[in-house]
Amino acid sequence: MRFRTFLFDLDGTLIDHFDAIHRCHVLTMTHFGLPAPTMQQVRNAVGGGLEEAVRKLFGPAHAALLPEALPYYRSRWPEVLPFGLKLLPGAAEILAHLHARGITCAVFTNKHGPSAREICTLLGIAPSLRETFGAFDTPWLKPQREFTDYVLQKLGADAATTLLVGDSPFDVQAAHNAGFPCWAVTTGTHTAAELHAAGAERVFDSLPELHRALCE
């Protein structure tokens, strides 16, 4: 196999956590007297980190509330974290297969780092991962090159043999900024057309389909 290091996005790639994310945004916005967002509005807002999602959902008219809204969201997050949490089909299998072959796997996400590690433990995939990198583990977020460089350095990985598996243009840009490819799945918030337009080298309908392509 050409790739010796796999960086996996978390939400929309390995896990479905939108029930909890949606619930926490509903709690936050209604607390400040704003209409509850729909699931689709939340799906459209996420990907660039929590601050960006809250900024999009609150909109320019309510930007003054952001300094209070972000801490409130974070205060409610621990209670909703387990809600509706599940692995996407094929996630455990691809991680276990790659790990058994001695290939380095890591989670590379804009989700809160401690939450991401807790989720990987709860879902039983932590043993297949070398590390999990997320928001607040560094000063950076995807697609900043500094974040990707930090991850590669910590893993002792070479960009020439690294593949990022994700579900959004943020993932594609993060990979390309660091000089390696991104294979994308449409199990998250973006369509195949959007992922191709972002420059993903390959796009799949699911992780099992991507897994089969790796084994060809």
N, C-alpha and C. Protein backbone atom coordinates (compact mmCIF):
# COMPACT_ATOMS: atom_id res chain seq x y z
N MET A 1 0.85 -1.20 0.00
CA MET A 1 0.00 0.00 0.00
C MET A 1 0.88 1.24 0.00
N ARG A 2 0.54 2.18 -0.88
CA ARG A 2 1.34 3.41 -1.00
C ARG A 2 1.34 4.22 0.28
N PHE A 3 0.19 4.29 0.95
CA PHE A 3 0.04 5.16 2.11
C PHE A 3 0.44 4.44 3.39
N ARG A 4 1.23 5.13 4.21
CA ARG A 4 1.65 4.56 5.49
C ARG A 4 1.05 5.30 6.68
N THR A 5 0.45 6.45 6.41
CA THR A 5 -0.22 7.24 7.46
C THR A 5 -1.58 7.70 6.95
N PHE A 6 -2.61 7.47 7.76
CA PHE A 6 -3.96 7.90 7.42
C PHE A 6 -4.44 8.88 8.49
N LEU A 7 -4.86 10.05 8.04
CA LEU A 7 -5.48 11.03 8.93
C LEU A 7 -6.98 11.05 8.63
N PHE A 8 -7.78 10.71 9.63
CA PHE A 8 -9.23 10.66 9.44
C PHE A 8 -9.90 11.84 10.13
N ASP A 9 -10.73 12.55 9.38
CA ASP A 9 -11.64 13.48 10.01
C ASP A 9 -12.60 12.67 10.89
N LEU A 10 -13.31 13.34 11.79
CA LEU A 10 -14.18 12.61 12.72
C LEU A 10 -15.65 12.76 12.33
N ASP A 11 -16.25 13.93 12.56
CA ASP A 11 -17.68 14.12 12.26
C ASP A 11 -17.95 13.98 10.77
N GLY A 12 -18.89 13.13 10.44
CA GLY A 12 -19.27 12.96 9.04
C GLY A 12 -18.38 12.01 8.28
N THR A 13 -17.26 11.61 8.88
CA THR A 13 -16.33 10.68 8.24
C THR A 13 -16.30 9.36 8.98
N LEU A 14 -15.97 9.40 10.27
CA LEU A 14 -15.96 8.20 11.08
C LEU A 14 -17.22 8.07 11.94
N ILE A 15 -17.80 9.19 12.33
CA ILE A 15 -18.95 9.14 13.25
C ILE A 15 -20.09 10.02 12.77
N ASP A 16 -21.28 9.69 13.25
CA ASP A 16 -22.45 10.56 13.11
C ASP A 16 -22.75 11.10 14.51
N HIS A 17 -22.53 12.40 14.68
CA HIS A 17 -22.73 13.03 15.97
C HIS A 17 -23.67 14.23 15.86
N PHE A 18 -24.40 14.28 14.74
CA PHE A 18 -25.19 15.47 14.47
C PHE A 18 -26.37 15.63 15.42
N ASP A 19 -26.90 14.54 15.97
CA ASP A 19 -28.00 14.69 16.93
C ASP A 19 -27.55 15.51 18.13
N ALA A 20 -26.37 15.21 18.65
CA ALA A 20 -25.85 15.93 19.81
C ALA A 20 -25.47 17.36 19.45
N ILE A 21 -24.80 17.53 18.31
CA ILE A 21 -24.40 18.87 17.89
C ILE A 21 -25.63 19.75 17.68
N HIS A 22 -26.63 19.22 17.01
CA HIS A 22 -27.87 19.98 16.79
C HIS A 22 -28.52 20.34 18.11
N ARG A 23 -28.60 19.38 19.02
CA ARG A 23 -29.25 19.63 20.32
C ARG A 23 -28.53 20.74 21.07
N CYS A 24 -27.21 20.75 21.03
CA CYS A 24 -26.46 21.77 21.77
C CYS A 24 -26.64 23.15 21.15
N HIS A 25 -26.71 23.22 19.83
CA HIS A 25 -26.97 24.51 19.18
C HIS A 25 -28.39 24.99 19.49
N VAL A 26 -29.35 24.06 19.54
CA VAL A 26 -30.71 24.44 19.90
C VAL A 26 -30.75 25.01 21.32
N LEU A 27 -30.11 24.33 22.26
CA LEU A 27 -30.07 24.82 23.64
C LEU A 27 -29.45 26.20 23.72
N THR A 28 -28.39 26.40 22.94
CA THR A 28 -27.67 27.68 22.99
C THR A 28 -28.50 28.81 22.41
N MET A 29 -29.03 28.60 21.21
CA MET A 29 -29.76 29.69 20.56
C MET A 29 -31.05 30.04 21.29
N THR A 30 -31.77 29.03 21.75
CA THR A 30 -33.01 29.33 22.47
C THR A 30 -32.73 29.99 23.81
N HIS A 31 -31.60 29.68 24.42
CA HIS A 31 -31.22 30.34 25.67
C HIS A 31 -31.10 31.84 25.47
N PHE A 32 -30.66 32.26 24.28
CA PHE A 32 -30.51 33.68 24.00
C PHE A 32 -31.71 34.26 23.26
N GLY A 33 -32.82 33.53 23.28
CA GLY A 33 -34.06 34.05 22.73
C GLY A 33 -34.15 34.00 21.22
N LEU A 34 -33.33 33.19 20.58
CA LEU A 34 -33.34 33.08 19.13
C LEU A 34 -34.05 31.79 18.71
N PRO A 35 -34.56 31.74 17.49
CA PRO A 35 -35.25 30.54 17.03
C PRO A 35 -34.30 29.34 16.99
N ALA A 36 -34.83 28.18 17.30
CA ALA A 36 -34.02 26.96 17.24
C ALA A 36 -33.62 26.67 15.80
N PRO A 37 -32.36 26.37 15.55
CA PRO A 37 -31.94 26.06 14.18
C PRO A 37 -32.43 24.68 13.77
N THR A 38 -32.65 24.50 12.49
CA THR A 38 -32.99 23.19 11.97
C THR A 38 -31.72 22.34 11.89
N MET A 39 -31.91 21.03 11.73
CA MET A 39 -30.76 20.15 11.54
C MET A 39 -29.98 20.55 10.30
N GLN A 40 -30.68 20.92 9.23
CA GLN A 40 -29.99 21.29 8.00
C GLN A 40 -29.17 22.56 8.19
N GLN A 41 -29.69 23.53 8.93
CA GLN A 41 -28.93 24.75 9.20
C GLN A 41 -27.65 24.43 9.96
N VAL A 42 -27.73 23.52 10.92
CA VAL A 42 -26.55 23.12 11.68
C VAL A 42 -25.56 22.41 10.77
N ARG A 43 -26.05 21.49 9.94
CA ARG A 43 -25.17 20.78 9.01
C ARG A 43 -24.44 21.76 8.09
N ASN A 44 -25.15 22.79 7.66
CA ASN A 44 -24.54 23.78 6.76
C ASN A 44 -23.50 24.64 7.46
N ALA A 45 -23.59 24.74 8.79
CA ALA A 45 -22.71 25.66 9.53
C ALA A 45 -21.42 25.01 10.00
N VAL A 46 -21.41 23.69 10.18
CA VAL A 46 -20.26 23.05 10.82
C VAL A 46 -19.14 22.78 9.82
N GLY A 47 -17.95 22.45 10.39
CA GLY A 47 -16.80 22.07 9.58
C GLY A 47 -15.57 22.91 9.84
N GLY A 48 -15.78 24.18 10.16
CA GLY A 48 -14.66 25.08 10.36
C GLY A 48 -14.35 25.35 11.82
N GLY A 49 -14.90 24.54 12.72
CA GLY A 49 -14.70 24.76 14.15
C GLY A 49 -15.93 25.38 14.78
N LEU A 50 -16.02 25.26 16.10
CA LEU A 50 -17.21 25.70 16.82
C LEU A 50 -17.46 27.20 16.66
N GLU A 51 -16.43 28.02 16.80
CA GLU A 51 -16.63 29.47 16.72
C GLU A 51 -17.25 29.86 15.39
N GLU A 52 -16.76 29.24 14.31
CA GLU A 52 -17.30 29.55 12.99
C GLU A 52 -18.74 29.10 12.87
N ALA A 53 -19.07 27.92 13.41
CA ALA A 53 -20.44 27.42 13.35
C ALA A 53 -21.40 28.34 14.11
N VAL A 54 -21.02 28.72 15.32
CA VAL A 54 -21.88 29.60 16.11
C VAL A 54 -22.04 30.96 15.42
N ARG A 55 -20.96 31.46 14.84
CA ARG A 55 -21.02 32.75 14.14
C ARG A 55 -22.01 32.67 12.97
N LYS A 56 -21.96 31.59 12.22
CA LYS A 56 -22.88 31.44 11.08
C LYS A 56 -24.33 31.34 11.54
N LEU A 57 -24.56 30.56 12.59
CA LEU A 57 -25.93 30.35 13.05
C LEU A 57 -26.53 31.60 13.68
N PHE A 58 -25.74 32.34 14.43
CA PHE A 58 -26.25 33.56 15.06
C PHE A 58 -26.41 34.69 14.05
N GLY A 59 -25.53 34.71 13.06
CA GLY A 59 -25.62 35.72 12.01
C GLY A 59 -25.11 37.07 12.47
N PRO A 60 -24.87 37.97 11.49
CA PRO A 60 -24.32 39.30 11.82
C PRO A 60 -25.20 40.11 12.77
N ALA A 61 -26.51 39.91 12.70
CA ALA A 61 -27.42 40.71 13.54
C ALA A 61 -27.25 40.41 15.02
N HIS A 62 -26.71 39.23 15.33
CA HIS A 62 -26.58 38.84 16.74
C HIS A 62 -25.12 38.57 17.12
N ALA A 63 -24.21 39.15 16.36
CA ALA A 63 -22.78 38.93 16.60
C ALA A 63 -22.36 39.36 18.00
N ALA A 64 -23.04 40.36 18.56
CA ALA A 64 -22.68 40.84 19.90
C ALA A 64 -22.88 39.78 20.97
N LEU A 65 -23.67 38.75 20.67
CA LEU A 65 -23.93 37.69 21.65
C LEU A 65 -22.84 36.61 21.66
N LEU A 66 -21.97 36.61 20.66
CA LEU A 66 -21.00 35.52 20.53
C LEU A 66 -20.11 35.34 21.75
N PRO A 67 -19.60 36.41 22.39
CA PRO A 67 -18.75 36.18 23.57
C PRO A 67 -19.45 35.44 24.70
N GLU A 68 -20.79 35.53 24.77
CA GLU A 68 -21.54 34.77 25.77
C GLU A 68 -22.00 33.42 25.23
N ALA A 69 -22.29 33.38 23.94
CA ALA A 69 -22.85 32.16 23.35
C ALA A 69 -21.85 31.01 23.34
N LEU A 70 -20.59 31.29 23.03
CA LEU A 70 -19.59 30.23 22.95
C LEU A 70 -19.38 29.54 24.30
N PRO A 71 -19.18 30.30 25.40
CA PRO A 71 -19.05 29.63 26.70
C PRO A 71 -20.31 28.86 27.09
N TYR A 72 -21.48 29.40 26.71
CA TYR A 72 -22.72 28.69 27.07
C TYR A 72 -22.79 27.35 26.33
N TYR A 73 -22.49 27.36 25.04
CA TYR A 73 -22.48 26.11 24.27
C TYR A 73 -21.54 25.10 24.92
N ARG A 74 -20.34 25.55 25.25
CA ARG A 74 -19.35 24.63 25.83
C ARG A 74 -19.82 24.11 27.19
N SER A 75 -20.55 24.93 27.94
CA SER A 75 -21.02 24.48 29.26
C SER A 75 -22.08 23.40 29.14
N ARG A 76 -22.86 23.39 28.03
CA ARG A 76 -23.91 22.40 27.85
C ARG A 76 -23.42 21.15 27.12
N TRP A 77 -22.26 21.27 26.45
CA TRP A 77 -21.78 20.17 25.62
C TRP A 77 -21.57 18.86 26.38
N PRO A 78 -20.96 18.84 27.57
CA PRO A 78 -20.74 17.54 28.23
C PRO A 78 -22.01 16.73 28.45
N GLU A 79 -23.12 17.40 28.71
CA GLU A 79 -24.35 16.65 28.99
C GLU A 79 -24.97 16.05 27.73
N VAL A 80 -24.71 16.66 26.56
CA VAL A 80 -25.32 16.16 25.32
C VAL A 80 -24.37 15.29 24.51
N LEU A 81 -23.10 15.26 24.87
CA LEU A 81 -22.09 14.55 24.06
C LEU A 81 -22.49 13.13 23.68
N PRO A 82 -23.03 12.30 24.58
CA PRO A 82 -23.34 10.91 24.18
C PRO A 82 -24.61 10.77 23.34
N PHE A 83 -25.39 11.84 23.19
CA PHE A 83 -26.71 11.74 22.58
C PHE A 83 -26.61 11.36 21.10
N GLY A 84 -27.16 10.20 20.74
CA GLY A 84 -27.21 9.79 19.34
C GLY A 84 -25.87 9.45 18.72
N LEU A 85 -24.85 9.31 19.52
CA LEU A 85 -23.49 9.08 19.01
C LEU A 85 -23.37 7.69 18.41
N LYS A 86 -22.85 7.60 17.18
CA LYS A 86 -22.64 6.28 16.58
C LYS A 86 -21.56 6.34 15.51
N LEU A 87 -20.91 5.19 15.33
CA LEU A 87 -19.95 5.05 14.24
C LEU A 87 -20.68 4.95 12.91
N LEU A 88 -20.08 5.52 11.88
CA LEU A 88 -20.62 5.34 10.54
C LEU A 88 -20.24 3.95 10.03
N PRO A 89 -21.05 3.37 9.14
CA PRO A 89 -20.76 2.03 8.63
C PRO A 89 -19.35 1.94 8.04
N GLY A 90 -18.64 0.92 8.45
CA GLY A 90 -17.31 0.67 7.93
C GLY A 90 -16.18 1.33 8.68
N ALA A 91 -16.50 2.22 9.63
CA ALA A 91 -15.44 2.96 10.33
C ALA A 91 -14.55 2.04 11.15
N ALA A 92 -15.16 1.22 12.00
CA ALA A 92 -14.37 0.32 12.84
C ALA A 92 -13.55 -0.65 12.00
N GLU A 93 -14.15 -1.12 10.91
CA GLU A 93 -13.48 -2.12 10.07
C GLU A 93 -12.25 -1.56 9.36
N ILE A 94 -12.36 -0.37 8.79
CA ILE A 94 -11.20 0.18 8.07
C ILE A 94 -10.08 0.53 9.04
N LEU A 95 -10.43 1.05 10.21
CA LEU A 95 -9.39 1.38 11.20
C LEU A 95 -8.69 0.12 11.70
N ALA A 96 -9.46 -0.91 12.00
CA ALA A 96 -8.87 -2.15 12.51
C ALA A 96 -7.98 -2.80 11.45
N HIS A 97 -8.43 -2.77 10.20
CA HIS A 97 -7.65 -3.37 9.12
C HIS A 97 -6.32 -2.65 8.93
N LEU A 98 -6.36 -1.33 8.87
CA LEU A 98 -5.12 -0.56 8.68
C LEU A 98 -4.19 -0.74 9.87
N HIS A 99 -4.74 -0.70 11.07
CA HIS A 99 -3.92 -0.86 12.28
C HIS A 99 -3.25 -2.23 12.28
N ALA A 100 -3.97 -3.27 11.88
CA ALA A 100 -3.40 -4.62 11.86
C ALA A 100 -2.27 -4.75 10.86
N ARG A 101 -2.27 -3.90 9.85
CA ARG A 101 -1.20 -3.93 8.85
C ARG A 101 -0.03 -3.03 9.23
N GLY A 102 -0.07 -2.47 10.42
CA GLY A 102 1.03 -1.64 10.88
C GLY A 102 1.02 -0.23 10.33
N ILE A 103 -0.11 0.20 9.81
CA ILE A 103 -0.23 1.54 9.24
C ILE A 103 -0.70 2.50 10.34
N THR A 104 -0.11 3.68 10.37
CA THR A 104 -0.45 4.67 11.39
C THR A 104 -1.77 5.34 11.05
N CYS A 105 -2.70 5.30 11.99
CA CYS A 105 -3.99 5.98 11.84
C CYS A 105 -4.15 7.00 12.96
N ALA A 106 -4.67 8.16 12.61
CA ALA A 106 -4.93 9.19 13.61
C ALA A 106 -6.19 9.95 13.23
N VAL A 107 -6.87 10.46 14.22
CA VAL A 107 -8.00 11.36 13.98
C VAL A 107 -7.46 12.78 13.91
N PHE A 108 -7.93 13.52 12.90
CA PHE A 108 -7.48 14.88 12.63
C PHE A 108 -8.74 15.71 12.41
N THR A 109 -9.15 16.44 13.44
CA THR A 109 -10.48 17.06 13.45
C THR A 109 -10.44 18.48 13.98
N ASN A 110 -11.45 19.25 13.61
CA ASN A 110 -11.65 20.57 14.21
C ASN A 110 -12.59 20.51 15.40
N LYS A 111 -13.00 19.30 15.77
CA LYS A 111 -13.80 19.11 16.98
C LYS A 111 -12.90 19.31 18.20
N HIS A 112 -13.50 19.73 19.31
CA HIS A 112 -12.79 19.90 20.57
C HIS A 112 -11.96 18.65 20.87
N GLY A 113 -10.64 18.81 21.02
CA GLY A 113 -9.75 17.66 21.16
C GLY A 113 -10.13 16.71 22.29
N PRO A 114 -10.31 17.19 23.53
CA PRO A 114 -10.71 16.28 24.61
C PRO A 114 -12.01 15.55 24.33
N SER A 115 -13.00 16.23 23.73
CA SER A 115 -14.26 15.57 23.37
C SER A 115 -14.01 14.49 22.32
N ALA A 116 -13.17 14.79 21.34
CA ALA A 116 -12.88 13.82 20.28
C ALA A 116 -12.24 12.56 20.87
N ARG A 117 -11.32 12.74 21.81
CA ARG A 117 -10.68 11.57 22.42
C ARG A 117 -11.68 10.77 23.26
N GLU A 118 -12.56 11.47 23.96
CA GLU A 118 -13.59 10.76 24.73
C GLU A 118 -14.50 9.95 23.82
N ILE A 119 -14.87 10.54 22.70
CA ILE A 119 -15.74 9.86 21.74
C ILE A 119 -15.07 8.61 21.17
N CYS A 120 -13.81 8.72 20.81
CA CYS A 120 -13.09 7.56 20.25
C CYS A 120 -13.00 6.43 21.27
N THR A 121 -12.86 6.78 22.53
CA THR A 121 -12.84 5.76 23.59
C THR A 121 -14.22 5.15 23.76
N LEU A 122 -15.27 5.98 23.82
CA LEU A 122 -16.63 5.49 24.00
C LEU A 122 -17.04 4.54 22.87
N LEU A 123 -16.60 4.83 21.66
CA LEU A 123 -16.99 4.04 20.50
C LEU A 123 -16.05 2.86 20.23
N GLY A 124 -14.99 2.73 21.04
CA GLY A 124 -14.12 1.57 20.94
C GLY A 124 -13.10 1.60 19.82
N ILE A 125 -12.86 2.77 19.21
CA ILE A 125 -11.90 2.82 18.11
C ILE A 125 -10.53 3.36 18.55
N ALA A 126 -10.42 3.80 19.79
CA ALA A 126 -9.14 4.36 20.26
C ALA A 126 -7.97 3.39 20.09
N PRO A 127 -8.13 2.07 20.34
CA PRO A 127 -6.99 1.16 20.19
C PRO A 127 -6.43 1.10 18.77
N SER A 128 -7.22 1.48 17.77
CA SER A 128 -6.74 1.47 16.39
C SER A 128 -6.06 2.77 15.98
N LEU A 129 -6.05 3.75 16.89
CA LEU A 129 -5.51 5.07 16.59
C LEU A 129 -4.21 5.33 17.33
N ARG A 130 -3.25 5.92 16.62
CA ARG A 130 -2.02 6.35 17.29
C ARG A 130 -2.31 7.54 18.18
N GLU A 131 -3.03 8.53 17.63
CA GLU A 131 -3.38 9.72 18.40
C GLU A 131 -4.65 10.35 17.83
N THR A 132 -5.22 11.27 18.59
CA THR A 132 -6.36 12.06 18.14
C THR A 132 -6.02 13.53 18.35
N PHE A 133 -6.07 14.30 17.27
CA PHE A 133 -5.73 15.72 17.30
C PHE A 133 -6.98 16.54 17.01
N GLY A 134 -7.24 17.55 17.85
CA GLY A 134 -8.42 18.37 17.64
C GLY A 134 -8.22 19.80 18.08
N ALA A 135 -9.32 20.54 18.10
CA ALA A 135 -9.29 21.94 18.51
C ALA A 135 -8.80 22.07 19.95
N PHE A 136 -8.01 23.09 20.20
CA PHE A 136 -7.41 23.43 21.48
C PHE A 136 -6.18 22.56 21.81
N ASP A 137 -5.87 21.57 20.97
CA ASP A 137 -4.61 20.85 21.15
C ASP A 137 -3.45 21.67 20.63
N THR A 138 -3.73 22.58 19.72
CA THR A 138 -2.74 23.49 19.15
C THR A 138 -3.43 24.85 18.96
N PRO A 139 -2.70 25.88 18.55
CA PRO A 139 -3.35 27.16 18.26
C PRO A 139 -4.09 27.16 16.93
N TRP A 140 -4.04 26.04 16.17
CA TRP A 140 -4.52 26.05 14.79
C TRP A 140 -5.72 25.12 14.59
N LEU A 141 -6.37 25.31 13.43
CA LEU A 141 -7.45 24.45 12.97
C LEU A 141 -7.21 24.11 11.50
N LYS A 142 -7.82 23.02 11.03
CA LYS A 142 -7.83 22.78 9.59
C LYS A 142 -8.55 23.94 8.90
N PRO A 143 -8.09 24.41 7.78
CA PRO A 143 -7.04 23.86 6.92
C PRO A 143 -5.66 24.50 7.09
N GLN A 144 -5.39 25.12 8.24
CA GLN A 144 -4.10 25.79 8.41
C GLN A 144 -2.95 24.80 8.30
N ARG A 145 -1.96 25.18 7.51
CA ARG A 145 -0.81 24.30 7.26
C ARG A 145 -0.08 23.96 8.55
N GLU A 146 -0.05 24.90 9.49
CA GLU A 146 0.67 24.67 10.75
C GLU A 146 0.10 23.49 11.52
N PHE A 147 -1.23 23.34 11.48
CA PHE A 147 -1.88 22.23 12.19
C PHE A 147 -1.47 20.90 11.57
N THR A 148 -1.53 20.84 10.25
CA THR A 148 -1.16 19.60 9.57
C THR A 148 0.31 19.27 9.77
N ASP A 149 1.16 20.26 9.68
CA ASP A 149 2.60 20.02 9.90
C ASP A 149 2.85 19.51 11.31
N TYR A 150 2.15 20.08 12.27
CA TYR A 150 2.30 19.63 13.66
C TYR A 150 1.92 18.16 13.80
N VAL A 151 0.81 17.78 13.19
CA VAL A 151 0.33 16.40 13.27
C VAL A 151 1.34 15.44 12.64
N LEU A 152 1.83 15.79 11.46
CA LEU A 152 2.81 14.92 10.79
C LEU A 152 4.08 14.79 11.65
N GLN A 153 4.52 15.89 12.25
CA GLN A 153 5.72 15.84 13.08
C GLN A 153 5.51 14.95 14.30
N LYS A 154 4.34 15.08 14.94
CA LYS A 154 4.06 14.27 16.13
C LYS A 154 3.98 12.78 15.79
N LEU A 155 3.50 12.47 14.60
CA LEU A 155 3.37 11.08 14.19
C LEU A 155 4.63 10.52 13.55
N GLY A 156 5.60 11.39 13.28
CA GLY A 156 6.78 10.95 12.56
C GLY A 156 6.45 10.52 11.14
N ALA A 157 5.49 11.22 10.54
CA ALA A 157 4.97 10.83 9.24
C ALA A 157 5.57 11.67 8.12
N ASP A 158 5.54 11.10 6.91
CA ASP A 158 6.02 11.75 5.71
C ASP A 158 4.82 12.12 4.85
N ALA A 159 4.75 13.38 4.43
CA ALA A 159 3.63 13.81 3.60
C ALA A 159 3.51 12.97 2.32
N ALA A 160 4.63 12.47 1.82
CA ALA A 160 4.62 11.70 0.57
C ALA A 160 3.86 10.38 0.70
N THR A 161 3.69 9.90 1.92
CA THR A 161 2.99 8.62 2.12
C THR A 161 1.78 8.79 3.06
N THR A 162 1.20 9.99 3.07
CA THR A 162 0.06 10.30 3.93
C THR A 162 -1.19 10.52 3.09
N LEU A 163 -2.32 10.07 3.60
CA LEU A 163 -3.62 10.30 2.98
C LEU A 163 -4.58 10.84 4.04
N LEU A 164 -5.32 11.88 3.68
CA LEU A 164 -6.36 12.40 4.56
C LEU A 164 -7.71 11.89 4.05
N VAL A 165 -8.52 11.34 4.94
CA VAL A 165 -9.86 10.88 4.61
C VAL A 165 -10.84 11.81 5.32
N GLY A 166 -11.66 12.51 4.56
CA GLY A 166 -12.57 13.48 5.16
C GLY A 166 -13.84 13.63 4.37
N ASP A 167 -14.66 14.61 4.79
CA ASP A 167 -15.97 14.78 4.16
C ASP A 167 -16.25 16.22 3.77
N SER A 168 -15.25 17.10 3.81
CA SER A 168 -15.53 18.51 3.54
C SER A 168 -14.40 19.17 2.78
N PRO A 169 -14.68 20.32 2.16
CA PRO A 169 -13.62 21.08 1.51
C PRO A 169 -12.51 21.51 2.47
N PHE A 170 -12.82 21.68 3.77
CA PHE A 170 -11.78 21.98 4.76
C PHE A 170 -10.74 20.86 4.77
N ASP A 171 -11.21 19.61 4.68
CA ASP A 171 -10.29 18.47 4.68
C ASP A 171 -9.44 18.47 3.42
N VAL A 172 -10.07 18.71 2.29
CA VAL A 172 -9.33 18.73 1.03
C VAL A 172 -8.26 19.81 1.07
N GLN A 173 -8.63 20.99 1.51
CA GLN A 173 -7.67 22.10 1.56
C GLN A 173 -6.55 21.82 2.55
N ALA A 174 -6.88 21.23 3.70
CA ALA A 174 -5.85 20.91 4.70
C ALA A 174 -4.82 19.95 4.11
N ALA A 175 -5.29 18.93 3.41
CA ALA A 175 -4.37 17.97 2.80
C ALA A 175 -3.52 18.63 1.74
N HIS A 176 -4.14 19.38 0.86
CA HIS A 176 -3.40 20.00 -0.24
C HIS A 176 -2.42 21.05 0.25
N ASN A 177 -2.79 21.78 1.30
CA ASN A 177 -1.86 22.77 1.85
C ASN A 177 -0.57 22.12 2.34
N ALA A 178 -0.67 20.85 2.76
CA ALA A 178 0.50 20.14 3.28
C ALA A 178 1.14 19.22 2.25
N GLY A 179 0.56 19.17 1.04
CA GLY A 179 1.20 18.44 -0.04
C GLY A 179 0.84 16.98 -0.16
N PHE A 180 -0.33 16.57 0.32
CA PHE A 180 -0.74 15.19 0.12
C PHE A 180 -2.22 15.14 -0.25
N PRO A 181 -2.71 13.98 -0.73
CA PRO A 181 -4.07 13.90 -1.25
C PRO A 181 -5.14 13.72 -0.18
N CYS A 182 -6.36 13.97 -0.62
CA CYS A 182 -7.55 13.74 0.22
C CYS A 182 -8.53 12.88 -0.55
N TRP A 183 -8.91 11.76 0.06
CA TRP A 183 -10.02 10.96 -0.45
C TRP A 183 -11.22 11.30 0.41
N ALA A 184 -12.32 11.64 -0.23
CA ALA A 184 -13.47 12.16 0.50
C ALA A 184 -14.65 11.20 0.44
N VAL A 185 -15.50 11.29 1.45
CA VAL A 185 -16.75 10.52 1.50
C VAL A 185 -17.92 11.48 1.60
N THR A 186 -19.06 11.05 1.07
CA THR A 186 -20.24 11.91 1.05
C THR A 186 -21.18 11.61 2.22
N THR A 187 -20.64 11.06 3.29
CA THR A 187 -21.44 10.70 4.46
C THR A 187 -21.60 11.86 5.44
N GLY A 188 -21.02 13.00 5.12
CA GLY A 188 -21.09 14.15 6.02
C GLY A 188 -21.99 15.24 5.49
N THR A 189 -21.42 16.42 5.27
CA THR A 189 -22.23 17.59 4.97
C THR A 189 -22.09 18.09 3.54
N HIS A 190 -21.33 17.38 2.71
CA HIS A 190 -21.07 17.89 1.35
C HIS A 190 -21.32 16.82 0.30
N THR A 191 -21.75 17.27 -0.85
CA THR A 191 -22.07 16.38 -1.96
C THR A 191 -20.80 15.99 -2.71
N ALA A 192 -20.95 14.97 -3.55
CA ALA A 192 -19.82 14.55 -4.38
C ALA A 192 -19.38 15.69 -5.29
N ALA A 193 -20.32 16.43 -5.85
CA ALA A 193 -19.98 17.55 -6.72
C ALA A 193 -19.16 18.61 -5.98
N GLU A 194 -19.56 18.91 -4.75
CA GLU A 194 -18.82 19.91 -3.96
C GLU A 194 -17.42 19.42 -3.63
N LEU A 195 -17.29 18.15 -3.33
CA LEU A 195 -15.98 17.60 -2.97
C LEU A 195 -15.07 17.52 -4.18
N HIS A 196 -15.62 17.15 -5.33
CA HIS A 196 -14.82 17.16 -6.57
C HIS A 196 -14.38 18.60 -6.89
N ALA A 197 -15.30 19.55 -6.74
CA ALA A 197 -14.98 20.95 -7.02
C ALA A 197 -13.89 21.46 -6.10
N ALA A 198 -13.86 20.96 -4.86
CA ALA A 198 -12.82 21.37 -3.91
C ALA A 198 -11.47 20.77 -4.25
N GLY A 199 -11.46 19.73 -5.09
CA GLY A 199 -10.19 19.14 -5.52
C GLY A 199 -9.87 17.79 -4.93
N ALA A 200 -10.84 17.14 -4.29
CA ALA A 200 -10.58 15.80 -3.73
C ALA A 200 -10.13 14.87 -4.84
N GLU A 201 -9.08 14.11 -4.57
CA GLU A 201 -8.55 13.21 -5.59
C GLU A 201 -9.53 12.09 -5.93
N ARG A 202 -10.23 11.57 -4.91
CA ARG A 202 -11.25 10.56 -5.13
C ARG A 202 -12.40 10.83 -4.17
N VAL A 203 -13.62 10.48 -4.59
CA VAL A 203 -14.81 10.69 -3.77
C VAL A 203 -15.61 9.40 -3.76
N PHE A 204 -16.06 9.01 -2.56
CA PHE A 204 -16.77 7.75 -2.38
C PHE A 204 -18.09 8.00 -1.65
N ASP A 205 -19.02 7.08 -1.85
CA ASP A 205 -20.31 7.19 -1.17
C ASP A 205 -20.25 6.73 0.28
N SER A 206 -19.22 5.95 0.64
CA SER A 206 -19.15 5.40 1.99
C SER A 206 -17.74 4.95 2.30
N LEU A 207 -17.47 4.70 3.58
CA LEU A 207 -16.17 4.16 3.98
C LEU A 207 -15.94 2.75 3.44
N PRO A 208 -16.95 1.86 3.44
CA PRO A 208 -16.70 0.54 2.85
C PRO A 208 -16.26 0.62 1.39
N GLU A 209 -16.83 1.57 0.63
CA GLU A 209 -16.42 1.74 -0.78
C GLU A 209 -14.97 2.22 -0.84
N LEU A 210 -14.62 3.18 0.01
CA LEU A 210 -13.23 3.65 0.06
C LEU A 210 -12.29 2.53 0.48
N HIS A 211 -12.71 1.74 1.44
CA HIS A 211 -11.90 0.61 1.94
C HIS A 211 -11.62 -0.37 0.80
N ARG A 212 -12.63 -0.67 0.01
CA ARG A 212 -12.43 -1.59 -1.11
C ARG A 212 -11.43 -1.02 -2.12
N ALA A 213 -11.49 0.28 -2.34
CA ALA A 213 -10.55 0.91 -3.27
C ALA A 213 -9.11 0.79 -2.76
N LEU A 214 -8.93 0.89 -1.47
CA LEU A 214 -7.58 0.75 -0.89
C LEU A 214 -7.02 -0.65 -1.10
N CYS A 215 -7.91 -1.62 -1.14
CA CYS A 215 -7.48 -3.03 -1.23
C CYS A 215 -7.32 -3.51 -2.67
N GLU A 216 -7.64 -2.65 -3.63
CA GLU A 216 -7.52 -3.06 -5.03
C GLU A 216 -6.07 -3.24 -5.45
